[in-house]
Amino acid sequence: MHYRSPVDALTDEELLSHIDALLRASDPPFDRVMTRLVELDWKPSGQGSAFVLALALFNKAYVKHRDEADVMESVRLAQAEVLAHPVISKVVAQTAGSAVDSAVGVA
């Protein structure tokens, strides 16, 4: 089956089932990673470490919402939670600001 846009593919039940299985299966490893990072008194600094935090937050929120919502709604709710997190929103704002500065030639 060919979809006209990538978003259309997210209506495919088989694909959604695989996404759901992947996210649910990755919950325990993400939990162990975040537990260890907390033990190490880790604080995200920069895009790379913020990305790790965002992945872990997304996964945890997805699994939490999945008990009450379908796959796509759980994805939307998890995405909103991640973007509302203070560390993640700060990195997103800094990245967007840098992109705008670069586009207009501000160094």
C-alpha atoms as a PDB file:
ATOM      1  CA  MET A   1       0.000   0.000   0.000  1.00  0.00           C
ATOM      2  CA  HIS A   2       1.343   3.433  -0.927  1.00  0.00           C
ATOM      3  CA  TYR A   3       0.487   6.496   1.144  1.00  0.00           C
ATOM      4  CA  ARG A   4       0.454   9.986  -0.299  1.00  0.00           C
ATOM      5  CA  SER A   5       2.038  11.514   2.767  1.00  0.00           C
ATOM      6  CA  PRO A   6       3.966  10.247   5.791  1.00  0.00           C
ATOM      7  CA  VAL A   7       1.070  11.268   8.031  1.00  0.00           C
ATOM      8  CA  ASP A   8      -1.280   8.950   6.111  1.00  0.00           C
ATOM      9  CA  ALA A   9       0.973   6.029   7.050  1.00  0.00           C
ATOM     10  CA  LEU A  10       0.164   6.696  10.696  1.00  0.00           C
ATOM     11  CA  THR A  11      -3.385   5.522  10.035  1.00  0.00           C
ATOM     12  CA  ASP A  12      -2.158   2.015   9.190  1.00  0.00           C
ATOM     13  CA  GLU A  13      -3.237  -0.317  11.999  1.00  0.00           C
ATOM     14  CA  GLU A  14      -0.349  -2.726  11.483  1.00  0.00           C
ATOM     15  CA  LEU A  15       2.192   0.107  11.679  1.00  0.00           C
ATOM     16  CA  LEU A  16       0.516   1.527  14.777  1.00  0.00           C
ATOM     17  CA  SER A  17       0.643  -1.908  16.374  1.00  0.00           C
ATOM     18  CA  HIS A  18       4.401  -2.109  15.731  1.00  0.00           C
ATOM     19  CA  ILE A  19       4.949   1.400  17.110  1.00  0.00           C
ATOM     20  CA  ASP A  20       2.963   0.479  20.201  1.00  0.00           C
ATOM     21  CA  ALA A  21       4.964  -2.721  20.720  1.00  0.00           C
ATOM     22  CA  LEU A  22       8.255  -0.867  20.280  1.00  0.00           C
ATOM     23  CA  LEU A  23       7.386   1.879  22.748  1.00  0.00           C
ATOM     24  CA  ARG A  24       6.007  -0.512  25.351  1.00  0.00           C
ATOM     25  CA  ALA A  25       9.022  -2.815  25.057  1.00  0.00           C
ATOM     26  CA  SER A  26      11.450   0.079  25.441  1.00  0.00           C
ATOM     27  CA  ASP A  27       9.887   1.275  28.699  1.00  0.00           C
ATOM     28  CA  PRO A  28      11.973  -0.923  31.054  1.00  0.00           C
ATOM     29  CA  PRO A  29      15.321  -0.073  29.376  1.00  0.00           C
ATOM     30  CA  PHE A  30      14.511   3.644  29.415  1.00  0.00           C
ATOM     31  CA  ASP A  31      13.552   3.362  33.067  1.00  0.00           C
ATOM     32  CA  ARG A  32      16.896   1.709  33.870  1.00  0.00           C
ATOM     33  CA  VAL A  33      18.817   4.354  31.906  1.00  0.00           C
ATOM     34  CA  MET A  34      17.058   7.219  33.674  1.00  0.00           C
ATOM     35  CA  THR A  35      17.432   5.569  37.081  1.00  0.00           C
ATOM     36  CA  ARG A  36      21.162   5.252  36.511  1.00  0.00           C
ATOM     37  CA  LEU A  37      21.480   8.826  35.265  1.00  0.00           C
ATOM     38  CA  VAL A  38      19.712  10.066  38.403  1.00  0.00           C
ATOM     39  CA  GLU A  39      22.075   7.958  40.526  1.00  0.00           C
ATOM     40  CA  LEU A  40      24.961   9.689  38.756  1.00  0.00           C
ATOM     41  CA  ASP A  41      23.375  13.104  39.502  1.00  0.00           C
ATOM     42  CA  TRP A  42      23.170  13.717  35.752  1.00  0.00           C
ATOM     43  CA  LYS A  43      21.875  17.026  34.465  1.00  0.00           C
ATOM     44  CA  PRO A  44      21.173  17.465  30.758  1.00  0.00           C
ATOM     45  CA  SER A  45      23.386  20.019  29.059  1.00  0.00           C
ATOM     46  CA  GLY A  46      23.141  20.601  25.355  1.00  0.00           C
ATOM     47  CA  GLN A  47      21.075  19.068  22.611  1.00  0.00           C
ATOM     48  CA  GLY A  48      22.409  15.524  22.859  1.00  0.00           C
ATOM     49  CA  SER A  49      21.646  15.019  26.518  1.00  0.00           C
ATOM     50  CA  ALA A  50      18.326  16.850  26.169  1.00  0.00           C
ATOM     51  CA  PHE A  51      17.456  14.418  23.381  1.00  0.00           C
ATOM     52  CA  VAL A  52      18.116  11.464  25.695  1.00  0.00           C
ATOM     53  CA  LEU A  53      15.887  13.078  28.301  1.00  0.00           C
ATOM     54  CA  ALA A  54      13.183  13.775  25.699  1.00  0.00           C
ATOM     55  CA  LEU A  55      13.219  10.157  24.522  1.00  0.00           C
ATOM     56  CA  ALA A  56      12.872   8.845  28.063  1.00  0.00           C
ATOM     57  CA  LEU A  57      10.133  11.347  28.927  1.00  0.00           C
ATOM     58  CA  PHE A  58       8.252  10.555  25.707  1.00  0.00           C
ATOM     59  CA  ASN A  59       8.426   6.842  26.342  1.00  0.00           C
ATOM     60  CA  LYS A  60       7.249   7.127  29.943  1.00  0.00           C
ATOM     61  CA  ALA A  61       4.375   9.456  29.010  1.00  0.00           C
ATOM     62  CA  TYR A  62       3.334   7.272  26.067  1.00  0.00           C
ATOM     63  CA  VAL A  63       3.119   4.141  28.224  1.00  0.00           C
ATOM     64  CA  LYS A  64       1.194   6.059  30.897  1.00  0.00           C
ATOM     65  CA  HIS A  65      -1.355   7.412  28.399  1.00  0.00           C
ATOM     66  CA  ARG A  66      -1.635   4.140  26.519  1.00  0.00           C
ATOM     67  CA  ASP A  67      -3.685   2.683  29.373  1.00  0.00           C
ATOM     68  CA  GLU A  68      -6.475   5.164  28.576  1.00  0.00           C
ATOM     69  CA  ALA A  69      -5.989   6.161  24.926  1.00  0.00           C
ATOM     70  CA  ASP A  70      -5.252   4.697  21.507  1.00  0.00           C
ATOM     71  CA  VAL A  71      -1.782   4.771  19.979  1.00  0.00           C
ATOM     72  CA  MET A  72      -2.030   8.097  18.135  1.00  0.00           C
ATOM     73  CA  GLU A  73      -3.686   9.916  21.018  1.00  0.00           C
ATOM     74  CA  SER A  74      -1.012   8.545  23.351  1.00  0.00           C
ATOM     75  CA  VAL A  75       1.675   9.810  20.960  1.00  0.00           C
ATOM     76  CA  ARG A  76       0.061  13.276  20.865  1.00  0.00           C
ATOM     77  CA  LEU A  77      -0.285  13.446  24.645  1.00  0.00           C
ATOM     78  CA  ALA A  78       3.283  12.249  25.199  1.00  0.00           C
ATOM     79  CA  GLN A  79       4.603  14.776  22.680  1.00  0.00           C
ATOM     80  CA  ALA A  80       2.774  17.596  24.470  1.00  0.00           C
ATOM     81  CA  GLU A  81       4.212  16.520  27.825  1.00  0.00           C
ATOM     82  CA  VAL A  82       7.753  16.397  26.460  1.00  0.00           C
ATOM     83  CA  LEU A  83       7.504  19.817  24.828  1.00  0.00           C
ATOM     84  CA  ALA A  84       6.120  21.266  28.068  1.00  0.00           C
ATOM     85  CA  HIS A  85       9.059  19.985  30.115  1.00  0.00           C
ATOM     86  CA  PRO A  86      11.213  22.978  31.174  1.00  0.00           C
ATOM     87  CA  VAL A  87      14.535  21.501  30.023  1.00  0.00           C
ATOM     88  CA  ILE A  88      13.157  20.419  26.661  1.00  0.00           C
ATOM     89  CA  SER A  89      11.271  23.659  26.009  1.00  0.00           C
ATOM     90  CA  LYS A  90      14.438  25.630  26.781  1.00  0.00           C
ATOM     91  CA  VAL A  91      16.509  23.586  24.313  1.00  0.00           C
ATOM     92  CA  VAL A  92      13.804  23.888  21.640  1.00  0.00           C
ATOM     93  CA  ALA A  93      13.648  27.663  22.139  1.00  0.00           C
ATOM     94  CA  GLN A  94      17.442  27.988  21.998  1.00  0.00           C
ATOM     95  CA  THR A  95      17.617  25.867  18.864  1.00  0.00           C
ATOM     96  CA  ALA A  96      14.879  27.858  17.167  1.00  0.00           C
ATOM     97  CA  GLY A  97      16.545  31.113  18.187  1.00  0.00           C
ATOM     98  CA  SER A  98      19.861  29.964  16.775  1.00  0.00           C
ATOM     99  CA  ALA A  99      18.203  28.906  13.523  1.00  0.00           C
ATOM    100  CA  VAL A 100      16.536  32.307  13.164  1.00  0.00           C
ATOM    101  CA  ASP A 101      19.791  34.110  13.972  1.00  0.00           C
ATOM    102  CA  SER A 102      21.619  32.055  11.351  1.00  0.00           C
ATOM    103  CA  ALA A 103      18.923  32.698   8.768  1.00  0.00           C
ATOM    104  CA  VAL A 104      19.175  36.458   9.191  1.00  0.00           C
ATOM    105  CA  GLY A 105      22.951  36.486   9.441  1.00  0.00           C
ATOM    106  CA  VAL A 106      23.321  37.231  13.140  1.00  0.00           C
ATOM    107  CA  ALA A 107      26.353  35.446  14.538  1.00  0.00           C
END
